[in-house]
Amino acid sequence: MKILIIGLRSTFAAQFKKEYKGQIKLYFLTDQEKYSKKVCGEFDHILACTKFINHTVEHQYKSHHSFIRIQGGYTSIKNALNALLSEAGES
């Protein structure tokens, strides 16, 4: 499973990569400069931390078939990742 997470702090990105290693391939956009151009690639899910991105960035990705808006921080993202893992295990 490949997941792109937008708007996460880089320190948290490293923690998530370590915690979900071997379970999920995680990709991150952590710096505002990287948001200006849309990232190409086939992602199963895209999680967007709405506190840390602007409407332009959200507009670029919201048409993805599995775009998920996260209104919280670290814990909310972790809960979403665990739910996605659980769903994948059931299918």
PDB file of N, CA and C in Angstrom:
ATOM      1  N   MET A   1       0.848  -1.167   0.000  1.00  0.00           N
ATOM      2  CA  MET A   1       0.000   0.000   0.000  1.00  0.00           C
ATOM      3  C   MET A   1       0.897   1.235   0.000  1.00  0.00           C
ATOM      4  N   LYS A   2       0.614   2.176  -0.925  1.00  0.00           N
ATOM      5  CA  LYS A   2       1.372   3.419  -1.025  1.00  0.00           C
ATOM      6  C   LYS A   2       0.486   4.581  -0.591  1.00  0.00           C
ATOM      7  N   ILE A   3       0.988   5.372   0.352  1.00  0.00           N
ATOM      8  CA  ILE A   3       0.226   6.493   0.880  1.00  0.00           C
ATOM      9  C   ILE A   3       1.077   7.754   0.849  1.00  0.00           C
ATOM     10  N   LEU A   4       0.476   8.826   0.355  1.00  0.00           N
ATOM     11  CA  LEU A   4       1.107  10.141   0.363  1.00  0.00           C
ATOM     12  C   LEU A   4       0.478  10.949   1.490  1.00  0.00           C
ATOM     13  N   ILE A   5       1.316  11.522   2.357  1.00  0.00           N
ATOM     14  CA  ILE A   5       0.833  12.374   3.439  1.00  0.00           C
ATOM     15  C   ILE A   5       1.349  13.783   3.177  1.00  0.00           C
ATOM     16  N   ILE A   6       0.420  14.734   3.129  1.00  0.00           N
ATOM     17  CA  ILE A   6       0.757  16.122   2.815  1.00  0.00           C
ATOM     18  C   ILE A   6       0.591  16.978   4.064  1.00  0.00           C
ATOM     19  N   GLY A   7       1.592  17.798   4.350  1.00  0.00           N
ATOM     20  CA  GLY A   7       1.493  18.780   5.415  1.00  0.00           C
ATOM     21  C   GLY A   7       1.958  18.310   6.773  1.00  0.00           C
ATOM     22  N   LEU A   8       2.742  17.266   6.814  1.00  0.00           N
ATOM     23  CA  LEU A   8       3.237  16.734   8.083  1.00  0.00           C
ATOM     24  C   LEU A   8       4.641  17.277   8.351  1.00  0.00           C
ATOM     25  N   ARG A   9       4.960  17.541   9.599  1.00  0.00           N
ATOM     26  CA  ARG A   9       6.319  17.986   9.948  1.00  0.00           C
ATOM     27  C   ARG A   9       7.312  16.862   9.655  1.00  0.00           C
ATOM     28  N   SER A  10       8.500  17.235   9.235  1.00  0.00           N
ATOM     29  CA  SER A  10       9.497  16.232   8.841  1.00  0.00           C
ATOM     30  C   SER A  10       9.900  15.323   9.998  1.00  0.00           C
ATOM     31  N   THR A  11       9.895  15.829  11.234  1.00  0.00           N
ATOM     32  CA  THR A  11      10.246  14.964  12.368  1.00  0.00           C
ATOM     33  C   THR A  11       9.206  13.859  12.549  1.00  0.00           C
ATOM     34  N   PHE A  12       7.947  14.187  12.333  1.00  0.00           N
ATOM     35  CA  PHE A  12       6.900  13.172  12.423  1.00  0.00           C
ATOM     36  C   PHE A  12       6.977  12.198  11.250  1.00  0.00           C
ATOM     37  N   ALA A  13       7.372  12.698  10.093  1.00  0.00           N
ATOM     38  CA  ALA A  13       7.507  11.835   8.917  1.00  0.00           C
ATOM     39  C   ALA A  13       8.499  10.715   9.197  1.00  0.00           C
ATOM     40  N   ALA A  14       9.606  11.050   9.809  1.00  0.00           N
ATOM     41  CA  ALA A  14      10.617  10.038  10.138  1.00  0.00           C
ATOM     42  C   ALA A  14      10.064   9.016  11.128  1.00  0.00           C
ATOM     43  N   GLN A  15       9.284   9.472  12.099  1.00  0.00           N
ATOM     44  CA  GLN A  15       8.694   8.554  13.076  1.00  0.00           C
ATOM     45  C   GLN A  15       7.711   7.596  12.407  1.00  0.00           C
ATOM     46  N   PHE A  16       6.870   8.128  11.504  1.00  0.00           N
ATOM     47  CA  PHE A  16       5.908   7.279  10.809  1.00  0.00           C
ATOM     48  C   PHE A  16       6.612   6.260   9.915  1.00  0.00           C
ATOM     49  N   LYS A  17       7.648   6.693   9.209  1.00  0.00           N
ATOM     50  CA  LYS A  17       8.387   5.753   8.349  1.00  0.00           C
ATOM     51  C   LYS A  17       8.952   4.595   9.157  1.00  0.00           C
ATOM     52  N   LYS A  18       9.490   4.918  10.320  1.00  0.00           N
ATOM     53  CA  LYS A  18      10.068   3.901  11.178  1.00  0.00           C
ATOM     54  C   LYS A  18       8.979   2.963  11.722  1.00  0.00           C
ATOM     55  N   GLU A  19       7.881   3.542  12.171  1.00  0.00           N
ATOM     56  CA  GLU A  19       6.814   2.762  12.792  1.00  0.00           C
ATOM     57  C   GLU A  19       6.085   1.844  11.809  1.00  0.00           C
ATOM     58  N   TYR A  20       5.912   2.285  10.566  1.00  0.00           N
ATOM     59  CA  TYR A  20       5.137   1.507   9.593  1.00  0.00           C
ATOM     60  C   TYR A  20       6.016   0.829   8.544  1.00  0.00           C
ATOM     61  N   LYS A  21       7.311   0.755   8.788  1.00  0.00           N
ATOM     62  CA  LYS A  21       8.245   0.125   7.855  1.00  0.00           C
ATOM     63  C   LYS A  21       7.820  -1.327   7.603  1.00  0.00           C
ATOM     64  N   GLY A  22       7.754  -1.682   6.343  1.00  0.00           N
ATOM     65  CA  GLY A  22       7.369  -3.037   5.973  1.00  0.00           C
ATOM     66  C   GLY A  22       5.867  -3.245   5.867  1.00  0.00           C
ATOM     67  N   GLN A  23       5.077  -2.289   6.329  1.00  0.00           N
ATOM     68  CA  GLN A  23       3.619  -2.411   6.260  1.00  0.00           C
ATOM     69  C   GLN A  23       3.021  -1.484   5.210  1.00  0.00           C
ATOM     70  N   ILE A  24       3.546  -0.254   5.163  1.00  0.00           N
ATOM     71  CA  ILE A  24       3.034   0.767   4.254  1.00  0.00           C
ATOM     72  C   ILE A  24       4.226   1.511   3.660  1.00  0.00           C
ATOM     73  N   LYS A  25       4.148   1.803   2.352  1.00  0.00           N
ATOM     74  CA  LYS A  25       5.146   2.676   1.735  1.00  0.00           C
ATOM     75  C   LYS A  25       4.621   4.094   1.882  1.00  0.00           C
ATOM     76  N   LEU A  26       5.294   4.877   2.699  1.00  0.00           N
ATOM     77  CA  LEU A  26       4.857   6.233   2.984  1.00  0.00           C
ATOM     78  C   LEU A  26       5.689   7.245   2.218  1.00  0.00           C
ATOM     79  N   TYR A  27       5.017   8.236   1.668  1.00  0.00           N
ATOM     80  CA  TYR A  27       5.650   9.346   0.971  1.00  0.00           C
ATOM     81  C   TYR A  27       5.113  10.624   1.607  1.00  0.00           C
ATOM     82  N   PHE A  28       5.940  11.653   1.662  1.00  0.00           N
ATOM     83  CA  PHE A  28       5.564  12.867   2.377  1.00  0.00           C
ATOM     84  C   PHE A  28       5.872  14.118   1.573  1.00  0.00           C
ATOM     85  N   LEU A  29       5.033  15.120   1.754  1.00  0.00           N
ATOM     86  CA  LEU A  29       5.319  16.486   1.335  1.00  0.00           C
ATOM     87  C   LEU A  29       5.318  17.288   2.622  1.00  0.00           C
ATOM     88  N   THR A  30       6.516  17.678   3.060  1.00  0.00           N
ATOM     89  CA  THR A  30       6.628  18.335   4.359  1.00  0.00           C
ATOM     90  C   THR A  30       6.951  19.816   4.266  1.00  0.00           C
ATOM     91  N   ASP A  31       7.469  20.271   3.152  1.00  0.00           N
ATOM     92  CA  ASP A  31       7.860  21.671   3.015  1.00  0.00           C
ATOM     93  C   ASP A  31       6.918  22.389   2.057  1.00  0.00           C
ATOM     94  N   GLN A  32       6.547  23.601   2.401  1.00  0.00           N
ATOM     95  CA  GLN A  32       5.595  24.357   1.589  1.00  0.00           C
ATOM     96  C   GLN A  32       6.055  24.477   0.129  1.00  0.00           C
ATOM     97  N   GLU A  33       7.366  24.575  -0.109  1.00  0.00           N
ATOM     98  CA  GLU A  33       7.870  24.714  -1.476  1.00  0.00           C
ATOM     99  C   GLU A  33       7.533  23.491  -2.326  1.00  0.00           C
ATOM    100  N   LYS A  34       7.505  22.334  -1.713  1.00  0.00           N
ATOM    101  CA  LYS A  34       7.224  21.110  -2.459  1.00  0.00           C
ATOM    102  C   LYS A  34       5.759  21.015  -2.871  1.00  0.00           C
ATOM    103  N   TYR A  35       4.906  21.817  -2.277  1.00  0.00           N
ATOM    104  CA  TYR A  35       3.480  21.731  -2.578  1.00  0.00           C
ATOM    105  C   TYR A  35       3.117  22.393  -3.904  1.00  0.00           C
ATOM    106  N   SER A  36       3.986  23.250  -4.419  1.00  0.00           N
ATOM    107  CA  SER A  36       3.611  24.044  -5.576  1.00  0.00           C
ATOM    108  C   SER A  36       3.349  23.196  -6.822  1.00  0.00           C
ATOM    109  N   LYS A  37       4.035  22.093  -6.962  1.00  0.00           N
ATOM    110  CA  LYS A  37       3.801  21.201  -8.095  1.00  0.00           C
ATOM    111  C   LYS A  37       3.234  19.886  -7.579  1.00  0.00           C
ATOM    112  N   LYS A  38       2.260  19.398  -8.286  1.00  0.00           N
ATOM    113  CA  LYS A  38       1.614  18.155  -7.888  1.00  0.00           C
ATOM    114  C   LYS A  38       2.596  16.984  -8.033  1.00  0.00           C
ATOM    115  N   VAL A  39       2.605  16.110  -7.057  1.00  0.00           N
ATOM    116  CA  VAL A  39       3.462  14.930  -7.091  1.00  0.00           C
ATOM    117  C   VAL A  39       2.788  13.877  -7.957  1.00  0.00           C
ATOM    118  N   CYS A  40       3.538  13.347  -8.894  1.00  0.00           N
ATOM    119  CA  CYS A  40       2.991  12.302  -9.756  1.00  0.00           C
ATOM    120  C   CYS A  40       3.299  10.951  -9.147  1.00  0.00           C
ATOM    121  N   GLY A  41       2.411  10.039  -9.353  1.00  0.00           N
ATOM    122  CA  GLY A  41       2.613   8.691  -8.848  1.00  0.00           C
ATOM    123  C   GLY A  41       1.282   8.049  -8.554  1.00  0.00           C
ATOM    124  N   GLU A  42       1.313   6.758  -8.441  1.00  0.00           N
ATOM    125  CA  GLU A  42       0.112   5.997  -8.124  1.00  0.00           C
ATOM    126  C   GLU A  42       0.075   5.759  -6.627  1.00  0.00           C
ATOM    127  N   PHE A  43      -0.822   6.434  -5.959  1.00  0.00           N
ATOM    128  CA  PHE A  43      -0.974   6.268  -4.515  1.00  0.00           C
ATOM    129  C   PHE A  43      -2.325   5.633  -4.228  1.00  0.00           C
ATOM    130  N   ASP A  44      -2.336   4.707  -3.278  1.00  0.00           N
ATOM    131  CA  ASP A  44      -3.596   4.090  -2.880  1.00  0.00           C
ATOM    132  C   ASP A  44      -4.455   5.078  -2.101  1.00  0.00           C
ATOM    133  N   HIS A  45      -3.799   5.901  -1.304  1.00  0.00           N
ATOM    134  CA  HIS A  45      -4.502   6.893  -0.485  1.00  0.00           C
ATOM    135  C   HIS A  45      -3.645   8.150  -0.379  1.00  0.00           C
ATOM    136  N   ILE A  46      -4.320   9.286  -0.232  1.00  0.00           N
ATOM    137  CA  ILE A  46      -3.640  10.545   0.036  1.00  0.00           C
ATOM    138  C   ILE A  46      -4.275  11.147   1.279  1.00  0.00           C
ATOM    139  N   LEU A  47      -3.444  11.396   2.284  1.00  0.00           N
ATOM    140  CA  LEU A  47      -3.906  12.025   3.522  1.00  0.00           C
ATOM    141  C   LEU A  47      -3.409  13.462   3.541  1.00  0.00           C
ATOM    142  N   ALA A  48      -4.297  14.395   3.823  1.00  0.00           N
ATOM    143  CA  ALA A  48      -3.917  15.808   3.869  1.00  0.00           C
ATOM    144  C   ALA A  48      -4.207  16.378   5.250  1.00  0.00           C
ATOM    145  N   CYS A  49      -3.182  16.916   5.875  1.00  0.00           N
ATOM    146  CA  CYS A  49      -3.317  17.562   7.188  1.00  0.00           C
ATOM    147  C   CYS A  49      -3.802  18.981   6.930  1.00  0.00           C
ATOM    148  N   THR A  50      -5.085  19.208   7.075  1.00  0.00           N
ATOM    149  CA  THR A  50      -5.677  20.480   6.666  1.00  0.00           C
ATOM    150  C   THR A  50      -5.192  21.677   7.472  1.00  0.00           C
ATOM    151  N   LYS A  51      -4.649  21.457   8.666  1.00  0.00           N
ATOM    152  CA  LYS A  51      -4.116  22.572   9.458  1.00  0.00           C
ATOM    153  C   LYS A  51      -2.877  23.180   8.812  1.00  0.00           C
ATOM    154  N   PHE A  52      -2.161  22.385   8.039  1.00  0.00           N
ATOM    155  CA  PHE A  52      -0.842  22.797   7.563  1.00  0.00           C
ATOM    156  C   PHE A  52      -0.731  22.944   6.053  1.00  0.00           C
ATOM    157  N   ILE A  53      -1.852  22.878   5.337  1.00  0.00           N
ATOM    158  CA  ILE A  53      -1.809  23.096   3.889  1.00  0.00           C
ATOM    159  C   ILE A  53      -2.796  24.189   3.526  1.00  0.00           C
ATOM    160  N   ASN A  54      -2.621  24.751   2.338  1.00  0.00           N
ATOM    161  CA  ASN A  54      -3.560  25.781   1.891  1.00  0.00           C
ATOM    162  C   ASN A  54      -4.573  25.185   0.911  1.00  0.00           C
ATOM    163  N   HIS A  55      -5.536  25.991   0.515  1.00  0.00           N
ATOM    164  CA  HIS A  55      -6.613  25.504  -0.352  1.00  0.00           C
ATOM    165  C   HIS A  55      -6.100  25.115  -1.737  1.00  0.00           C
ATOM    166  N   THR A  56      -5.068  25.778  -2.211  1.00  0.00           N
ATOM    167  CA  THR A  56      -4.503  25.451  -3.517  1.00  0.00           C
ATOM    168  C   THR A  56      -3.974  24.029  -3.528  1.00  0.00           C
ATOM    169  N   VAL A  57      -3.263  23.674  -2.484  1.00  0.00           N
ATOM    170  CA  VAL A  57      -2.704  22.324  -2.382  1.00  0.00           C
ATOM    171  C   VAL A  57      -3.832  21.299  -2.279  1.00  0.00           C
ATOM    172  N   GLU A  58      -4.801  21.583  -1.452  1.00  0.00           N
ATOM    173  CA  GLU A  58      -5.929  20.660  -1.300  1.00  0.00           C
ATOM    174  C   GLU A  58      -6.642  20.466  -2.638  1.00  0.00           C
ATOM    175  N   HIS A  59      -6.806  21.539  -3.387  1.00  0.00           N
ATOM    176  CA  HIS A  59      -7.479  21.476  -4.683  1.00  0.00           C
ATOM    177  C   HIS A  59      -6.723  20.572  -5.662  1.00  0.00           C
ATOM    178  N   GLN A  60      -5.390  20.581  -5.587  1.00  0.00           N
ATOM    179  CA  GLN A  60      -4.581  19.753  -6.491  1.00  0.00           C
ATOM    180  C   GLN A  60      -4.822  18.264  -6.280  1.00  0.00           C
ATOM    181  N   TYR A  61      -5.104  17.870  -5.070  1.00  0.00           N
ATOM    182  CA  TYR A  61      -5.162  16.441  -4.738  1.00  0.00           C
ATOM    183  C   TYR A  61      -6.564  15.915  -4.450  1.00  0.00           C
ATOM    184  N   LYS A  62      -7.548  16.791  -4.252  1.00  0.00           N
ATOM    185  CA  LYS A  62      -8.849  16.330  -3.768  1.00  0.00           C
ATOM    186  C   LYS A  62      -9.609  15.451  -4.751  1.00  0.00           C
ATOM    187  N   SER A  63      -9.228  15.438  -6.006  1.00  0.00           N
ATOM    188  CA  SER A  63      -9.912  14.584  -6.976  1.00  0.00           C
ATOM    189  C   SER A  63      -9.429  13.130  -6.928  1.00  0.00           C
ATOM    190  N   HIS A  64      -8.400  12.857  -6.152  1.00  0.00           N
ATOM    191  CA  HIS A  64      -7.905  11.485  -6.004  1.00  0.00           C
ATOM    192  C   HIS A  64      -9.006  10.604  -5.430  1.00  0.00           C
ATOM    193  N   HIS A  65      -9.098   9.385  -5.917  1.00  0.00           N
ATOM    194  CA  HIS A  65     -10.192   8.492  -5.511  1.00  0.00           C
ATOM    195  C   HIS A  65     -10.227   8.201  -4.012  1.00  0.00           C
ATOM    196  N   SER A  66      -9.101   8.355  -3.333  1.00  0.00           N
ATOM    197  CA  SER A  66      -9.085   8.108  -1.889  1.00  0.00           C
ATOM    198  C   SER A  66      -8.354   9.237  -1.170  1.00  0.00           C
ATOM    199  N   PHE A  67      -8.861  10.450  -1.356  1.00  0.00           N
ATOM    200  CA  PHE A  67      -8.322  11.635  -0.691  1.00  0.00           C
ATOM    201  C   PHE A  67      -8.994  11.747   0.670  1.00  0.00           C
ATOM    202  N   ILE A  68      -8.176  11.827   1.723  1.00  0.00           N
ATOM    203  CA  ILE A  68      -8.713  11.872   3.083  1.00  0.00           C
ATOM    204  C   ILE A  68      -8.207  13.130   3.773  1.00  0.00           C
ATOM    205  N   ARG A  69      -9.141  13.946   4.233  1.00  0.00           N
ATOM    206  CA  ARG A  69      -8.791  15.166   4.968  1.00  0.00           C
ATOM    207  C   ARG A  69      -8.642  14.813   6.441  1.00  0.00           C
ATOM    208  N   ILE A  70      -7.490  15.167   7.011  1.00  0.00           N
ATOM    209  CA  ILE A  70      -7.216  14.937   8.421  1.00  0.00           C
ATOM    210  C   ILE A  70      -7.198  16.294   9.111  1.00  0.00           C
ATOM    211  N   GLN A  71      -8.073  16.480  10.076  1.00  0.00           N
ATOM    212  CA  GLN A  71      -8.159  17.784  10.727  1.00  0.00           C
ATOM    213  C   GLN A  71      -7.345  17.868  12.009  1.00  0.00           C
ATOM    214  N   GLY A  72      -6.733  16.798  12.396  1.00  0.00           N
ATOM    215  CA  GLY A  72      -5.915  16.812  13.599  1.00  0.00           C
ATOM    216  C   GLY A  72      -4.445  16.772  13.257  1.00  0.00           C
ATOM    217  N   GLY A  73      -3.661  16.241  14.178  1.00  0.00           N
ATOM    218  CA  GLY A  73      -2.223  16.154  13.991  1.00  0.00           C
ATOM    219  C   GLY A  73      -1.744  14.721  13.985  1.00  0.00           C
ATOM    220  N   TYR A  74      -0.654  14.487  14.686  1.00  0.00           N
ATOM    221  CA  TYR A  74       0.020  13.190  14.712  1.00  0.00           C
ATOM    222  C   TYR A  74      -0.918  12.035  15.053  1.00  0.00           C
ATOM    223  N   THR A  75      -1.679  12.171  16.127  1.00  0.00           N
ATOM    224  CA  THR A  75      -2.560  11.090  16.572  1.00  0.00           C
ATOM    225  C   THR A  75      -3.658  10.812  15.546  1.00  0.00           C
ATOM    226  N   SER A  76      -4.198  11.839  14.953  1.00  0.00           N
ATOM    227  CA  SER A  76      -5.244  11.658  13.944  1.00  0.00           C
ATOM    228  C   SER A  76      -4.715  10.937  12.712  1.00  0.00           C
ATOM    229  N   ILE A  77      -3.505  11.269  12.310  1.00  0.00           N
ATOM    230  CA  ILE A  77      -2.889  10.598  11.165  1.00  0.00           C
ATOM    231  C   ILE A  77      -2.626   9.135  11.502  1.00  0.00           C
ATOM    232  N   LYS A  78      -2.108   8.903  12.686  1.00  0.00           N
ATOM    233  CA  LYS A  78      -1.828   7.531  13.119  1.00  0.00           C
ATOM    234  C   LYS A  78      -3.115   6.703  13.137  1.00  0.00           C
ATOM    235  N   ASN A  79      -4.202   7.276  13.639  1.00  0.00           N
ATOM    236  CA  ASN A  79      -5.485   6.571  13.649  1.00  0.00           C
ATOM    237  C   ASN A  79      -5.959   6.249  12.236  1.00  0.00           C
ATOM    238  N   ALA A  80      -5.784   7.207  11.314  1.00  0.00           N
ATOM    239  CA  ALA A  80      -6.179   6.986   9.925  1.00  0.00           C
ATOM    240  C   ALA A  80      -5.339   5.880   9.284  1.00  0.00           C
ATOM    241  N   LEU A  81      -4.034   5.889   9.525  1.00  0.00           N
ATOM    242  CA  LEU A  81      -3.158   4.848   8.976  1.00  0.00           C
ATOM    243  C   LEU A  81      -3.532   3.472   9.525  1.00  0.00           C
ATOM    244  N   ASN A  82      -3.803   3.402  10.819  1.00  0.00           N
ATOM    245  CA  ASN A  82      -4.197   2.125  11.420  1.00  0.00           C
ATOM    246  C   ASN A  82      -5.525   1.627  10.849  1.00  0.00           C
ATOM    247  N   ALA A  83      -6.460   2.541  10.613  1.00  0.00           N
ATOM    248  CA  ALA A  83      -7.747   2.165  10.019  1.00  0.00           C
ATOM    249  C   ALA A  83      -7.553   1.645   8.593  1.00  0.00           C
ATOM    250  N   LEU A  84      -6.677   2.299   7.829  1.00  0.00           N
ATOM    251  CA  LEU A  84      -6.405   1.846   6.461  1.00  0.00           C
ATOM    252  C   LEU A  84      -5.723   0.475   6.457  1.00  0.00           C
ATOM    253  N   LEU A  85      -4.813   0.261   7.392  1.00  0.00           N
ATOM    254  CA  LEU A  85      -4.178  -1.053   7.518  1.00  0.00           C
ATOM    255  C   LEU A  85      -5.204  -2.122   7.869  1.00  0.00           C
ATOM    256  N   SER A  86      -6.100  -1.789   8.775  1.00  0.00           N
ATOM    257  CA  SER A  86      -7.144  -2.718   9.192  1.00  0.00           C
ATOM    258  C   SER A  86      -8.050  -3.075   8.011  1.00  0.00           C
ATOM    259  N   GLU A  87      -8.453  -2.068   7.227  1.00  0.00           N
ATOM    260  CA  GLU A  87      -9.281  -2.301   6.048  1.00  0.00           C
ATOM    261  C   GLU A  87      -8.567  -3.193   5.049  1.00  0.00           C
ATOM    262  N   ALA A  88      -7.288  -2.944   4.832  1.00  0.00           N
ATOM    263  CA  ALA A  88      -6.513  -3.732   3.877  1.00  0.00           C
ATOM    264  C   ALA A  88      -6.405  -5.182   4.336  1.00  0.00           C
ATOM    265  N   GLY A  89      -6.323  -5.397   5.632  1.00  0.00           N
ATOM    266  CA  GLY A  89      -6.239  -6.742   6.177  1.00  0.00           C
ATOM    267  C   GLY A  89      -7.533  -7.517   6.049  1.00  0.00           C
ATOM    268  N   GLU A  90      -8.644  -6.794   6.031  1.00  0.00           N
ATOM    269  CA  GLU A  90      -9.963  -7.431   5.920  1.00  0.00           C
ATOM    270  C   GLU A  90     -10.324  -7.786   4.497  1.00  0.00           C
ATOM    271  N   SER A  91      -9.713  -7.091   3.514  1.00  0.00           N
ATOM    272  CA  SER A  91     -10.079  -7.370   2.124  1.00  0.00           C
ATOM    273  C   SER A  91      -9.304  -8.492   1.516  1.00  0.00           C
TER     274      SER A  91
END
